[in-house]
Amino acid sequence: MQLFYNLSDSAMEDTLYEVESMRRFAGISIDTVPDETTILNFRHLLERHNLGKKLFSKINKHLAKQGLSFKEGTIVDATIISAPTSTKKQILPARSRDAPNQKGE
């Protein structure tokens, strides 16, 4: 999951605390979330043996049989906040390129 979502070790720890579906996928509970040092050590183990790339490849082969693929992604916070209406979309009167501007130039 860390490789797929391009997360740092500390971000992976935070994500495991925050996202229940990721904990379920990893087979852990909120009480057993690894700290960032444990995640770092596990990631180094995977890197030493090129297992991250091998897992990514295996998953993509499995998905390809179903017409799907998986690429590195990013988790985006989709929190909706209220914001004032944009003033950029106001319709302004059309001006000719040759017409003088308001300063008479």
C-alpha atoms as a PDB file:
ATOM      1  CA  MET A   1       0.000   0.000   0.000  1.00  0.00           C
ATOM      2  CA  GLN A   2       2.878   2.327   0.777  1.00  0.00           C
ATOM      3  CA  LEU A   3       4.333   1.761  -2.689  1.00  0.00           C
ATOM      4  CA  PHE A   4       0.969   2.054  -4.432  1.00  0.00           C
ATOM      5  CA  TYR A   5       0.092   5.349  -2.750  1.00  0.00           C
ATOM      6  CA  ASN A   6       3.634   6.741  -2.598  1.00  0.00           C
ATOM      7  CA  LEU A   7       3.514   7.288   1.182  1.00  0.00           C
ATOM      8  CA  SER A   8       6.406   8.024   3.527  1.00  0.00           C
ATOM      9  CA  ASP A   9       6.875   5.732   6.510  1.00  0.00           C
ATOM     10  CA  SER A  10       5.216   8.169   8.907  1.00  0.00           C
ATOM     11  CA  ALA A  11       2.383   8.840   6.421  1.00  0.00           C
ATOM     12  CA  MET A  12       1.833   5.083   6.106  1.00  0.00           C
ATOM     13  CA  GLU A  13       1.549   4.780   9.891  1.00  0.00           C
ATOM     14  CA  ASP A  14      -0.930   7.690   9.996  1.00  0.00           C
ATOM     15  CA  THR A  15      -2.927   6.236   7.115  1.00  0.00           C
ATOM     16  CA  LEU A  16      -3.182   2.864   8.823  1.00  0.00           C
ATOM     17  CA  TYR A  17      -4.622   4.583  11.889  1.00  0.00           C
ATOM     18  CA  GLU A  18      -7.046   6.650   9.802  1.00  0.00           C
ATOM     19  CA  VAL A  19      -8.242   4.272   7.054  1.00  0.00           C
ATOM     20  CA  GLU A  20     -10.042   1.159   8.238  1.00  0.00           C
ATOM     21  CA  SER A  21     -10.116  -0.453   4.788  1.00  0.00           C
ATOM     22  CA  MET A  22      -6.302  -0.344   4.642  1.00  0.00           C
ATOM     23  CA  ARG A  23      -6.031  -1.959   8.075  1.00  0.00           C
ATOM     24  CA  ARG A  24      -8.409  -4.709   6.945  1.00  0.00           C
ATOM     25  CA  PHE A  25      -6.369  -5.224   3.759  1.00  0.00           C
ATOM     26  CA  ALA A  26      -3.174  -5.466   5.838  1.00  0.00           C
ATOM     27  CA  GLY A  27      -4.863  -7.822   8.281  1.00  0.00           C
ATOM     28  CA  ILE A  28      -4.197  -5.634  11.315  1.00  0.00           C
ATOM     29  CA  SER A  29      -6.357  -3.937  13.914  1.00  0.00           C
ATOM     30  CA  ILE A  30      -6.151  -0.415  15.290  1.00  0.00           C
ATOM     31  CA  ASP A  31      -4.303  -1.905  18.289  1.00  0.00           C
ATOM     32  CA  THR A  32      -1.575  -3.484  16.151  1.00  0.00           C
ATOM     33  CA  VAL A  33      -0.687  -0.679  13.694  1.00  0.00           C
ATOM     34  CA  PRO A  34       3.105  -0.749  13.255  1.00  0.00           C
ATOM     35  CA  ASP A  35       5.087   2.391  14.031  1.00  0.00           C
ATOM     36  CA  GLU A  36       7.036   4.179  11.314  1.00  0.00           C
ATOM     37  CA  THR A  37      10.343   2.487  12.311  1.00  0.00           C
ATOM     38  CA  THR A  38       8.790  -0.956  11.863  1.00  0.00           C
ATOM     39  CA  ILE A  39       7.373   0.150   8.507  1.00  0.00           C
ATOM     40  CA  LEU A  40      10.837   1.472   7.530  1.00  0.00           C
ATOM     41  CA  ASN A  41      12.488  -1.840   8.443  1.00  0.00           C
ATOM     42  CA  PHE A  42       9.867  -3.829   6.524  1.00  0.00           C
ATOM     43  CA  ARG A  43      10.213  -1.543   3.480  1.00  0.00           C
ATOM     44  CA  HIS A  44      13.999  -1.981   3.549  1.00  0.00           C
ATOM     45  CA  LEU A  45      13.540  -5.757   3.678  1.00  0.00           C
ATOM     46  CA  LEU A  46      11.257  -5.588   0.620  1.00  0.00           C
ATOM     47  CA  GLU A  47      13.716  -3.305  -1.205  1.00  0.00           C
ATOM     48  CA  ARG A  48      16.715  -5.530  -0.449  1.00  0.00           C
ATOM     49  CA  HIS A  49      14.982  -8.438  -2.157  1.00  0.00           C
ATOM     50  CA  ASN A  50      13.155  -6.377  -4.869  1.00  0.00           C
ATOM     51  CA  LEU A  51       9.867  -7.701  -3.510  1.00  0.00           C
ATOM     52  CA  GLY A  52       7.951  -4.421  -3.828  1.00  0.00           C
ATOM     53  CA  LYS A  53       8.376  -4.396  -7.601  1.00  0.00           C
ATOM     54  CA  LYS A  54       7.666  -8.115  -7.817  1.00  0.00           C
ATOM     55  CA  LEU A  55       4.441  -7.711  -5.816  1.00  0.00           C
ATOM     56  CA  PHE A  56       3.415  -4.730  -7.940  1.00  0.00           C
ATOM     57  CA  SER A  57       4.042  -6.781 -11.088  1.00  0.00           C
ATOM     58  CA  LYS A  58       2.091  -9.801  -9.778  1.00  0.00           C
ATOM     59  CA  ILE A  59      -0.873  -7.644  -8.808  1.00  0.00           C
ATOM     60  CA  ASN A  60      -0.897  -5.966 -12.227  1.00  0.00           C
ATOM     61  CA  LYS A  61      -0.772  -9.356 -13.981  1.00  0.00           C
ATOM     62  CA  HIS A  62      -3.760 -10.481 -11.933  1.00  0.00           C
ATOM     63  CA  LEU A  63      -5.637  -7.244 -12.691  1.00  0.00           C
ATOM     64  CA  ALA A  64      -4.722  -7.397 -16.406  1.00  0.00           C
ATOM     65  CA  LYS A  65      -6.609 -10.695 -16.699  1.00  0.00           C
ATOM     66  CA  GLN A  66      -9.683  -8.709 -15.673  1.00  0.00           C
ATOM     67  CA  GLY A  67      -8.934  -5.796 -18.027  1.00  0.00           C
ATOM     68  CA  LEU A  68      -7.641  -3.563 -15.228  1.00  0.00           C
ATOM     69  CA  SER A  69      -4.317  -2.041 -14.268  1.00  0.00           C
ATOM     70  CA  PHE A  70      -2.899  -0.279 -11.265  1.00  0.00           C
ATOM     71  CA  LYS A  71      -0.458   2.606 -11.271  1.00  0.00           C
ATOM     72  CA  GLU A  72       1.180   4.533  -8.494  1.00  0.00           C
ATOM     73  CA  GLY A  73      -1.350   6.894  -7.012  1.00  0.00           C
ATOM     74  CA  THR A  74      -1.946   9.532  -4.411  1.00  0.00           C
ATOM     75  CA  ILE A  75      -4.535   9.755  -1.714  1.00  0.00           C
ATOM     76  CA  VAL A  76      -6.351  13.043  -1.892  1.00  0.00           C
ATOM     77  CA  ASP A  77      -8.359  14.525   0.965  1.00  0.00           C
ATOM     78  CA  ALA A  78     -11.763  15.268  -0.529  1.00  0.00           C
ATOM     79  CA  THR A  79     -13.047  17.371   2.364  1.00  0.00           C
ATOM     80  CA  ILE A  80     -15.733  19.766   1.189  1.00  0.00           C
ATOM     81  CA  ILE A  81     -15.479  23.281   2.570  1.00  0.00           C
ATOM     82  CA  SER A  82     -17.663  26.307   2.001  1.00  0.00           C
ATOM     83  CA  ALA A  83     -16.026  29.060   0.011  1.00  0.00           C
ATOM     84  CA  PRO A  84     -17.203  32.388  -1.398  1.00  0.00           C
ATOM     85  CA  THR A  85     -18.377  32.506  -4.987  1.00  0.00           C
ATOM     86  CA  SER A  86     -15.585  33.218  -7.438  1.00  0.00           C
ATOM     87  CA  THR A  87     -15.507  36.705  -8.911  1.00  0.00           C
ATOM     88  CA  LYS A  88     -13.348  35.575 -11.838  1.00  0.00           C
ATOM     89  CA  LYS A  89     -16.350  34.322 -13.780  1.00  0.00           C
ATOM     90  CA  GLN A  90     -18.044  37.718 -13.991  1.00  0.00           C
ATOM     91  CA  ILE A  91     -18.837  38.713 -17.563  1.00  0.00           C
ATOM     92  CA  LEU A  92     -16.827  41.771 -18.536  1.00  0.00           C
ATOM     93  CA  PRO A  93     -17.697  44.028 -21.480  1.00  0.00           C
ATOM     94  CA  ALA A  94     -15.874  43.062 -24.660  1.00  0.00           C
ATOM     95  CA  ARG A  95     -13.036  45.345 -25.762  1.00  0.00           C
ATOM     96  CA  SER A  96     -11.489  45.670 -29.141  1.00  0.00           C
ATOM     97  CA  ARG A  97      -7.723  45.293 -29.288  1.00  0.00           C
ATOM     98  CA  ASP A  98      -7.540  48.598 -31.137  1.00  0.00           C
ATOM     99  CA  ALA A  99      -9.819  50.481 -28.746  1.00  0.00           C
ATOM    100  CA  PRO A 100      -8.057  52.818 -26.288  1.00  0.00           C
ATOM    101  CA  ASN A 101      -7.952  51.629 -22.698  1.00  0.00           C
ATOM    102  CA  GLN A 102      -9.541  53.555 -19.829  1.00  0.00           C
ATOM    103  CA  LYS A 103      -6.439  55.749 -19.426  1.00  0.00           C
ATOM    104  CA  GLY A 104      -6.852  56.996 -23.003  1.00  0.00           C
ATOM    105  CA  GLU A 105      -3.640  55.360 -24.198  1.00  0.00           C
END
